């Protein structure tokens, strides 16, 4: 909470303009390309990151497939996860998020602006529709981010179990999966401090369709999780 208040004070002169632009973009979405909307949010996030007293260490961007249309699968540590992804992944992507986030003040407007897809975990039919839409868009070259744990883990660099269902869209699309390891991102907002912190993001080598085509979604989830976990174990004491 202290860092959020600190950021509000440091960026107070920018916030009204940002909110007005987000409102204007949402009001005229049909006339503004997704890329233009994405890059506005990306630039906003990068300014926030610069003011947050967080040193971001990014590794493995060379692992990202040149061809767009892949699924990034990070572990989930907290609010900073989305900020570090926006801050380090240069090309546009979309999020698949839980439905509850679409009702959070301000955040819902940002998610709407960047065409996030919302999953209702209690409505199977609606979830299948979202999976099909994401699969279709991945085939057409849109990259996505989904957090396979379904919710954040509150045990520092530990993880909850990755859910197989979160990989069905990319498996249907036969597109690459990029495991992403987030390390110490929980420290940014969980430690209730404005002390400088280090946060890491590792884009791991992609898993292509030929490698997972004979696997079940549960087996794919386990494979991705094991690679993320291995990276965390090897790097969590780096700083």
C-alpha atoms as a PDB file:
ATOM      1  CA  UNK A   1       0.000   0.000   0.000  1.00  0.00           C
ATOM      2  CA  UNK A   2       2.837   2.423   0.828  1.00  0.00           C
ATOM      3  CA  UNK A   3       4.321   2.042  -2.668  1.00  0.00           C
ATOM      4  CA  UNK A   4       0.936   2.624  -4.306  1.00  0.00           C
ATOM      5  CA  UNK A   5       0.460   5.851  -2.328  1.00  0.00           C
ATOM      6  CA  UNK A   6       4.051   6.823  -3.145  1.00  0.00           C
ATOM      7  CA  UNK A   7       3.370   6.297  -6.866  1.00  0.00           C
ATOM      8  CA  UNK A   8       0.148   8.301  -6.751  1.00  0.00           C
ATOM      9  CA  UNK A   9       2.007  11.276  -5.286  1.00  0.00           C
ATOM     10  CA  UNK A  10       4.893  10.979  -7.786  1.00  0.00           C
ATOM     11  CA  UNK A  11       2.533  10.708 -10.766  1.00  0.00           C
ATOM     12  CA  UNK A  12      -0.308  12.943  -9.589  1.00  0.00           C
ATOM     13  CA  UNK A  13       0.306  15.439 -12.377  1.00  0.00           C
ATOM     14  CA  UNK A  14      -0.077  12.706 -15.018  1.00  0.00           C
ATOM     15  CA  UNK A  15      -2.987  10.667 -13.675  1.00  0.00           C
ATOM     16  CA  UNK A  16      -5.869  12.976 -14.751  1.00  0.00           C
ATOM     17  CA  UNK A  17      -4.549  13.066 -18.334  1.00  0.00           C
ATOM     18  CA  UNK A  18      -4.124   9.305 -18.417  1.00  0.00           C
ATOM     19  CA  UNK A  19      -7.656   8.712 -17.155  1.00  0.00           C
ATOM     20  CA  UNK A  20      -9.109  11.111 -19.718  1.00  0.00           C
ATOM     21  CA  UNK A  21      -7.205   9.411 -22.541  1.00  0.00           C
ATOM     22  CA  UNK A  22      -8.327   5.958 -21.416  1.00  0.00           C
ATOM     23  CA  UNK A  23     -11.935   7.180 -21.329  1.00  0.00           C
ATOM     24  CA  UNK A  24     -11.601   8.730 -24.787  1.00  0.00           C
ATOM     25  CA  UNK A  25      -9.987   5.623 -26.272  1.00  0.00           C
ATOM     26  CA  UNK A  26     -12.714   3.380 -24.840  1.00  0.00           C
ATOM     27  CA  UNK A  27     -15.418   5.692 -26.136  1.00  0.00           C
ATOM     28  CA  UNK A  28     -13.921   5.553 -29.638  1.00  0.00           C
ATOM     29  CA  UNK A  29     -12.484   2.020 -29.673  1.00  0.00           C
ATOM     30  CA  UNK A  30     -13.797   1.208 -33.117  1.00  0.00           C
ATOM     31  CA  UNK A  31     -11.756   4.070 -34.595  1.00  0.00           C
ATOM     32  CA  UNK A  32      -8.521   3.367 -32.725  1.00  0.00           C
ATOM     33  CA  UNK A  33      -6.404   0.315 -33.527  1.00  0.00           C
ATOM     34  CA  UNK A  34      -5.571  -2.251 -30.872  1.00  0.00           C
ATOM     35  CA  UNK A  35      -1.860  -1.564 -31.390  1.00  0.00           C
ATOM     36  CA  UNK A  36      -2.337   2.158 -30.710  1.00  0.00           C
ATOM     37  CA  UNK A  37      -4.305   1.431 -27.539  1.00  0.00           C
ATOM     38  CA  UNK A  38      -1.758  -1.161 -26.387  1.00  0.00           C
ATOM     39  CA  UNK A  39       1.239   1.108 -26.915  1.00  0.00           C
ATOM     40  CA  UNK A  40      -0.439   3.909 -24.959  1.00  0.00           C
ATOM     41  CA  UNK A  41      -0.912   1.605 -21.965  1.00  0.00           C
ATOM     42  CA  UNK A  42       2.606   0.234 -22.402  1.00  0.00           C
ATOM     43  CA  UNK A  43       4.115   3.719 -22.310  1.00  0.00           C
ATOM     44  CA  UNK A  44       1.994   4.577 -19.261  1.00  0.00           C
ATOM     45  CA  UNK A  45       3.139   1.411 -17.463  1.00  0.00           C
ATOM     46  CA  UNK A  46       6.782   2.048 -18.275  1.00  0.00           C
ATOM     47  CA  UNK A  47       6.519   5.510 -16.708  1.00  0.00           C
ATOM     48  CA  UNK A  48       4.947   3.961 -13.612  1.00  0.00           C
ATOM     49  CA  UNK A  49       7.732   1.381 -13.443  1.00  0.00           C
ATOM     50  CA  UNK A  50      10.380   4.097 -13.687  1.00  0.00           C
ATOM     51  CA  UNK A  51       8.905   5.857 -10.656  1.00  0.00           C
ATOM     52  CA  UNK A  52       8.291   2.757  -8.567  1.00  0.00           C
ATOM     53  CA  UNK A  53      11.806   2.260  -7.148  1.00  0.00           C
ATOM     54  CA  UNK A  54      11.911  -1.211  -8.697  1.00  0.00           C
ATOM     55  CA  UNK A  55      14.932  -2.449 -10.617  1.00  0.00           C
ATOM     56  CA  UNK A  56      13.605  -4.753 -13.336  1.00  0.00           C
ATOM     57  CA  UNK A  57      15.943  -7.498 -14.534  1.00  0.00           C
ATOM     58  CA  UNK A  58      14.725  -9.001 -17.803  1.00  0.00           C
ATOM     59  CA  UNK A  59      16.205 -12.143 -19.324  1.00  0.00           C
ATOM     60  CA  UNK A  60      15.473 -14.256 -22.365  1.00  0.00           C
ATOM     61  CA  UNK A  61      13.756 -11.832 -24.715  1.00  0.00           C
ATOM     62  CA  UNK A  62      15.697 -13.540 -27.482  1.00  0.00           C
ATOM     63  CA  UNK A  63      13.624 -16.649 -26.727  1.00  0.00           C
ATOM     64  CA  UNK A  64      10.385 -14.997 -27.820  1.00  0.00           C
ATOM     65  CA  UNK A  65       9.217 -16.402 -31.175  1.00  0.00           C
ATOM     66  CA  UNK A  66       9.608 -13.958 -34.040  1.00  0.00           C
ATOM     67  CA  UNK A  67       6.202 -14.888 -35.382  1.00  0.00           C
ATOM     68  CA  UNK A  68       3.373 -13.505 -33.262  1.00  0.00           C
ATOM     69  CA  UNK A  69       0.593 -15.734 -32.016  1.00  0.00           C
ATOM     70  CA  UNK A  70       1.829 -17.543 -28.906  1.00  0.00           C
ATOM     71  CA  UNK A  71       0.785 -17.981 -25.297  1.00  0.00           C
ATOM     72  CA  UNK A  72       2.882 -16.639 -22.436  1.00  0.00           C
ATOM     73  CA  UNK A  73       2.359 -18.579 -19.201  1.00  0.00           C
ATOM     74  CA  UNK A  74       3.830 -16.846 -16.117  1.00  0.00           C
ATOM     75  CA  UNK A  75       3.521 -17.723 -12.461  1.00  0.00           C
ATOM     76  CA  UNK A  76       1.360 -15.216 -10.604  1.00  0.00           C
ATOM     77  CA  UNK A  77       2.741 -13.248  -7.653  1.00  0.00           C
ATOM     78  CA  UNK A  78       0.663 -10.094  -7.501  1.00  0.00           C
ATOM     79  CA  UNK A  79      -0.216  -6.692  -8.933  1.00  0.00           C
ATOM     80  CA  UNK A  80       3.225  -6.034 -10.382  1.00  0.00           C
ATOM     81  CA  UNK A  81       3.103  -9.064 -12.691  1.00  0.00           C
ATOM     82  CA  UNK A  82       1.128  -7.264 -15.393  1.00  0.00           C
ATOM     83  CA  UNK A  83       3.349  -4.182 -15.086  1.00  0.00           C
ATOM     84  CA  UNK A  84       6.566  -6.124 -15.604  1.00  0.00           C
ATOM     85  CA  UNK A  85       5.064  -7.884 -18.642  1.00  0.00           C
ATOM     86  CA  UNK A  86       3.947  -4.604 -20.212  1.00  0.00           C
ATOM     87  CA  UNK A  87       7.319  -3.112 -19.381  1.00  0.00           C
ATOM     88  CA  UNK A  88       9.455  -5.799 -21.006  1.00  0.00           C
ATOM     89  CA  UNK A  89       7.436  -7.390 -23.827  1.00  0.00           C
ATOM     90  CA  UNK A  90       7.757  -4.975 -26.739  1.00  0.00           C
ATOM     91  CA  UNK A  91       5.065  -6.289 -29.081  1.00  0.00           C
ATOM     92  CA  UNK A  92       1.304  -6.117 -28.407  1.00  0.00           C
ATOM     93  CA  UNK A  93      -0.399  -8.935 -26.544  1.00  0.00           C
ATOM     94  CA  UNK A  94      -3.713  -9.563 -24.822  1.00  0.00           C
ATOM     95  CA  UNK A  95      -4.627 -10.930 -21.404  1.00  0.00           C
ATOM     96  CA  UNK A  96      -7.041 -13.658 -20.423  1.00  0.00           C
ATOM     97  CA  UNK A  97      -8.202 -12.691 -16.929  1.00  0.00           C
ATOM     98  CA  UNK A  98     -10.729 -13.831 -14.368  1.00  0.00           C
ATOM     99  CA  UNK A  99     -14.120 -12.154 -14.684  1.00  0.00           C
ATOM    100  CA  UNK A 100     -13.877 -10.497 -11.271  1.00  0.00           C
ATOM    101  CA  UNK A 101     -11.156  -8.129 -12.495  1.00  0.00           C
ATOM    102  CA  UNK A 102     -13.534  -6.594 -15.019  1.00  0.00           C
ATOM    103  CA  UNK A 103     -15.378  -4.971 -12.116  1.00  0.00           C
ATOM    104  CA  UNK A 104     -12.381  -3.384 -10.356  1.00  0.00           C
ATOM    105  CA  UNK A 105     -12.374   0.429 -10.344  1.00  0.00           C
ATOM    106  CA  UNK A 106     -10.078   1.923 -13.048  1.00  0.00           C
ATOM    107  CA  UNK A 107      -8.551  -1.476 -13.836  1.00  0.00           C
ATOM    108  CA  UNK A 108     -11.721  -2.515 -15.653  1.00  0.00           C
ATOM    109  CA  UNK A 109     -11.324   0.454 -18.012  1.00  0.00           C
ATOM    110  CA  UNK A 110      -7.705  -0.482 -18.779  1.00  0.00           C
ATOM    111  CA  UNK A 111      -8.615  -4.127 -19.410  1.00  0.00           C
ATOM    112  CA  UNK A 112     -11.459  -3.089 -21.685  1.00  0.00           C
ATOM    113  CA  UNK A 113      -9.126  -0.775 -23.574  1.00  0.00           C
ATOM    114  CA  UNK A 114      -6.616  -3.553 -24.311  1.00  0.00           C
ATOM    115  CA  UNK A 115      -9.311  -6.095 -25.263  1.00  0.00           C
ATOM    116  CA  UNK A 116      -8.714  -8.469 -22.354  1.00  0.00           C
ATOM    117  CA  UNK A 117     -10.848 -11.611 -22.402  1.00  0.00           C
ATOM    118  CA  UNK A 118     -12.625 -12.466 -19.147  1.00  0.00           C
ATOM    119  CA  UNK A 119     -13.081 -16.059 -17.982  1.00  0.00           C
ATOM    120  CA  UNK A 120     -16.063 -16.912 -15.794  1.00  0.00           C
ATOM    121  CA  UNK A 121     -14.784 -19.980 -13.999  1.00  0.00           C
ATOM    122  CA  UNK A 122     -18.300 -20.920 -12.880  1.00  0.00           C
ATOM    123  CA  UNK A 123     -19.789 -20.780 -16.377  1.00  0.00           C
ATOM    124  CA  UNK A 124     -18.374 -23.585 -18.515  1.00  0.00           C
ATOM    125  CA  UNK A 125     -20.187 -22.532 -21.680  1.00  0.00           C
ATOM    126  CA  UNK A 126     -18.895 -18.957 -21.424  1.00  0.00           C
ATOM    127  CA  UNK A 127     -15.368 -20.219 -20.668  1.00  0.00           C
ATOM    128  CA  UNK A 128     -15.393 -22.426 -23.769  1.00  0.00           C
ATOM    129  CA  UNK A 129     -16.430 -19.401 -25.834  1.00  0.00           C
ATOM    130  CA  UNK A 130     -13.466 -17.410 -24.511  1.00  0.00           C
ATOM    131  CA  UNK A 131     -11.073 -20.291 -25.189  1.00  0.00           C
ATOM    132  CA  UNK A 132     -12.325 -20.546 -28.766  1.00  0.00           C
ATOM    133  CA  UNK A 133     -11.959 -16.810 -29.331  1.00  0.00           C
ATOM    134  CA  UNK A 134      -8.409 -16.780 -27.937  1.00  0.00           C
ATOM    135  CA  UNK A 135      -7.512 -19.823 -30.046  1.00  0.00           C
ATOM    136  CA  UNK A 136      -8.867 -18.164 -33.181  1.00  0.00           C
ATOM    137  CA  UNK A 137      -6.930 -14.964 -32.502  1.00  0.00           C
ATOM    138  CA  UNK A 138      -3.703 -16.841 -31.761  1.00  0.00           C
ATOM    139  CA  UNK A 139      -4.026 -18.597 -35.116  1.00  0.00           C
ATOM    140  CA  UNK A 140      -4.358 -15.139 -36.678  1.00  0.00           C
ATOM    141  CA  UNK A 141      -1.211 -13.862 -34.944  1.00  0.00           C
ATOM    142  CA  UNK A 142      -2.311 -12.373 -31.613  1.00  0.00           C
ATOM    143  CA  UNK A 143      -0.195 -13.292 -28.599  1.00  0.00           C
ATOM    144  CA  UNK A 144      -1.804 -13.828 -25.204  1.00  0.00           C
ATOM    145  CA  UNK A 145      -0.890 -13.962 -21.525  1.00  0.00           C
ATOM    146  CA  UNK A 146      -2.688 -16.222 -19.074  1.00  0.00           C
ATOM    147  CA  UNK A 147      -1.792 -17.037 -15.477  1.00  0.00           C
ATOM    148  CA  UNK A 148      -2.133 -20.841 -15.263  1.00  0.00           C
ATOM    149  CA  UNK A 149      -2.505 -20.844 -11.477  1.00  0.00           C
ATOM    150  CA  UNK A 150      -5.838 -19.070 -11.879  1.00  0.00           C
ATOM    151  CA  UNK A 151      -5.077 -16.746  -8.973  1.00  0.00           C
ATOM    152  CA  UNK A 152      -1.992 -15.352  -7.333  1.00  0.00           C
ATOM    153  CA  UNK A 153       0.079 -17.408  -4.942  1.00  0.00           C
ATOM    154  CA  UNK A 154       0.705 -15.620  -1.640  1.00  0.00           C
ATOM    155  CA  UNK A 155       3.783 -17.630  -0.684  1.00  0.00           C
ATOM    156  CA  UNK A 156       6.535 -15.449  -2.155  1.00  0.00           C
ATOM    157  CA  UNK A 157       8.307 -17.384  -4.945  1.00  0.00           C
ATOM    158  CA  UNK A 158       6.250 -20.538  -4.478  1.00  0.00           C
ATOM    159  CA  UNK A 159       3.539 -21.535  -6.956  1.00  0.00           C
ATOM    160  CA  UNK A 160       0.073 -23.003  -6.948  1.00  0.00           C
ATOM    161  CA  UNK A 161      -0.628 -25.845  -9.321  1.00  0.00           C
ATOM    162  CA  UNK A 162      -0.892 -24.858 -12.995  1.00  0.00           C
ATOM    163  CA  UNK A 163      -4.339 -25.720 -14.363  1.00  0.00           C
ATOM    164  CA  UNK A 164      -4.510 -27.779 -17.557  1.00  0.00           C
ATOM    165  CA  UNK A 165      -7.578 -25.933 -18.836  1.00  0.00           C
ATOM    166  CA  UNK A 166      -5.623 -22.705 -19.231  1.00  0.00           C
ATOM    167  CA  UNK A 167      -3.637 -24.275 -22.074  1.00  0.00           C
ATOM    168  CA  UNK A 168      -6.551 -25.498 -24.172  1.00  0.00           C
ATOM    169  CA  UNK A 169      -6.687 -22.354 -26.316  1.00  0.00           C
ATOM    170  CA  UNK A 170      -3.042 -22.562 -27.390  1.00  0.00           C
ATOM    171  CA  UNK A 171      -3.235 -26.332 -27.881  1.00  0.00           C
ATOM    172  CA  UNK A 172      -6.236 -25.902 -30.167  1.00  0.00           C
ATOM    173  CA  UNK A 173      -4.350 -23.185 -32.056  1.00  0.00           C
ATOM    174  CA  UNK A 174      -1.211 -25.382 -32.266  1.00  0.00           C
ATOM    175  CA  UNK A 175       0.903 -22.382 -31.326  1.00  0.00           C
ATOM    176  CA  UNK A 176       4.029 -22.009 -29.147  1.00  0.00           C
ATOM    177  CA  UNK A 177       3.872 -21.769 -25.367  1.00  0.00           C
ATOM    178  CA  UNK A 178       6.387 -19.449 -23.691  1.00  0.00           C
ATOM    179  CA  UNK A 179       6.932 -20.289 -19.993  1.00  0.00           C
ATOM    180  CA  UNK A 180       7.628 -17.102 -18.026  1.00  0.00           C
ATOM    181  CA  UNK A 181       9.244 -17.050 -14.592  1.00  0.00           C
ATOM    182  CA  UNK A 182       8.499 -14.077 -12.339  1.00  0.00           C
ATOM    183  CA  UNK A 183      10.785 -13.772  -9.322  1.00  0.00           C
ATOM    184  CA  UNK A 184      10.395 -11.417  -6.346  1.00  0.00           C
ATOM    185  CA  UNK A 185       7.597  -9.469  -8.033  1.00  0.00           C
ATOM    186  CA  UNK A 186       5.539  -9.941  -4.870  1.00  0.00           C
ATOM    187  CA  UNK A 187       7.962  -7.632  -3.029  1.00  0.00           C
ATOM    188  CA  UNK A 188       6.832  -4.580  -4.971  1.00  0.00           C
ATOM    189  CA  UNK A 189       3.413  -4.204  -3.360  1.00  0.00           C
ATOM    190  CA  UNK A 190       3.285  -6.905  -0.665  1.00  0.00           C
ATOM    191  CA  UNK A 191       6.104  -5.646   1.540  1.00  0.00           C
ATOM    192  CA  UNK A 192       4.329  -2.374   2.459  1.00  0.00           C
ATOM    193  CA  UNK A 193       7.546  -0.448   1.866  1.00  0.00           C
ATOM    194  CA  UNK A 194       9.017   2.008  -0.633  1.00  0.00           C
ATOM    195  CA  UNK A 195      12.533   0.596  -0.316  1.00  0.00           C
ATOM    196  CA  UNK A 196      14.222  -0.245  -3.602  1.00  0.00           C
ATOM    197  CA  UNK A 197      13.582  -3.812  -4.718  1.00  0.00           C
ATOM    198  CA  UNK A 198      14.777  -6.073  -7.511  1.00  0.00           C
ATOM    199  CA  UNK A 199      12.256  -7.984  -9.633  1.00  0.00           C
ATOM    200  CA  UNK A 200      13.090 -10.537 -12.305  1.00  0.00           C
ATOM    201  CA  UNK A 201      11.304 -11.758 -15.407  1.00  0.00           C
ATOM    202  CA  UNK A 202      12.646 -14.673 -17.442  1.00  0.00           C
ATOM    203  CA  UNK A 203      11.218 -15.513 -20.860  1.00  0.00           C
ATOM    204  CA  UNK A 204      12.099 -19.189 -21.226  1.00  0.00           C
ATOM    205  CA  UNK A 205      12.586 -21.090 -24.501  1.00  0.00           C
ATOM    206  CA  UNK A 206       9.241 -21.697 -26.218  1.00  0.00           C
ATOM    207  CA  UNK A 207       7.533 -25.066 -26.327  1.00  0.00           C
ATOM    208  CA  UNK A 208       6.380 -25.694 -29.891  1.00  0.00           C
ATOM    209  CA  UNK A 209       3.415 -27.783 -30.990  1.00  0.00           C
ATOM    210  CA  UNK A 210       5.550 -30.746 -32.069  1.00  0.00           C
ATOM    211  CA  UNK A 211       6.778 -31.078 -28.492  1.00  0.00           C
ATOM    212  CA  UNK A 212       3.363 -31.145 -26.830  1.00  0.00           C
ATOM    213  CA  UNK A 213       0.998 -32.442 -29.556  1.00  0.00           C
ATOM    214  CA  UNK A 214       0.673 -35.900 -27.992  1.00  0.00           C
ATOM    215  CA  UNK A 215       0.203 -34.625 -24.444  1.00  0.00           C
ATOM    216  CA  UNK A 216      -2.944 -33.901 -22.444  1.00  0.00           C
ATOM    217  CA  UNK A 217      -3.583 -30.371 -21.187  1.00  0.00           C
ATOM    218  CA  UNK A 218      -2.731 -31.529 -17.659  1.00  0.00           C
ATOM    219  CA  UNK A 219       0.605 -32.901 -18.841  1.00  0.00           C
ATOM    220  CA  UNK A 220       1.334 -29.653 -20.689  1.00  0.00           C
ATOM    221  CA  UNK A 221       0.548 -27.665 -17.536  1.00  0.00           C
ATOM    222  CA  UNK A 222       2.887 -29.833 -15.498  1.00  0.00           C
ATOM    223  CA  UNK A 223       5.693 -29.462 -18.046  1.00  0.00           C
ATOM    224  CA  UNK A 224       5.374 -25.685 -18.182  1.00  0.00           C
ATOM    225  CA  UNK A 225       5.241 -25.415 -14.404  1.00  0.00           C
ATOM    226  CA  UNK A 226       8.347 -27.561 -13.947  1.00  0.00           C
ATOM    227  CA  UNK A 227      10.328 -25.288 -16.276  1.00  0.00           C
ATOM    228  CA  UNK A 228       9.162 -22.143 -14.501  1.00  0.00           C
ATOM    229  CA  UNK A 229       9.895 -23.692 -11.105  1.00  0.00           C
ATOM    230  CA  UNK A 230      13.397 -24.735 -12.165  1.00  0.00           C
ATOM    231  CA  UNK A 231      14.169 -21.180 -13.319  1.00  0.00           C
ATOM    232  CA  UNK A 232      12.896 -19.710 -10.048  1.00  0.00           C
ATOM    233  CA  UNK A 233      14.997 -22.108  -7.986  1.00  0.00           C
ATOM    234  CA  UNK A 234      18.115 -21.254  -9.985  1.00  0.00           C
ATOM    235  CA  UNK A 235      17.677 -17.469  -9.819  1.00  0.00           C
ATOM    236  CA  UNK A 236      15.705 -16.408  -6.742  1.00  0.00           C
ATOM    237  CA  UNK A 237      18.829 -15.597  -4.728  1.00  0.00           C
ATOM    238  CA  UNK A 238      20.537 -13.664  -7.501  1.00  0.00           C
ATOM    239  CA  UNK A 239      20.033 -10.253  -5.833  1.00  0.00           C
END
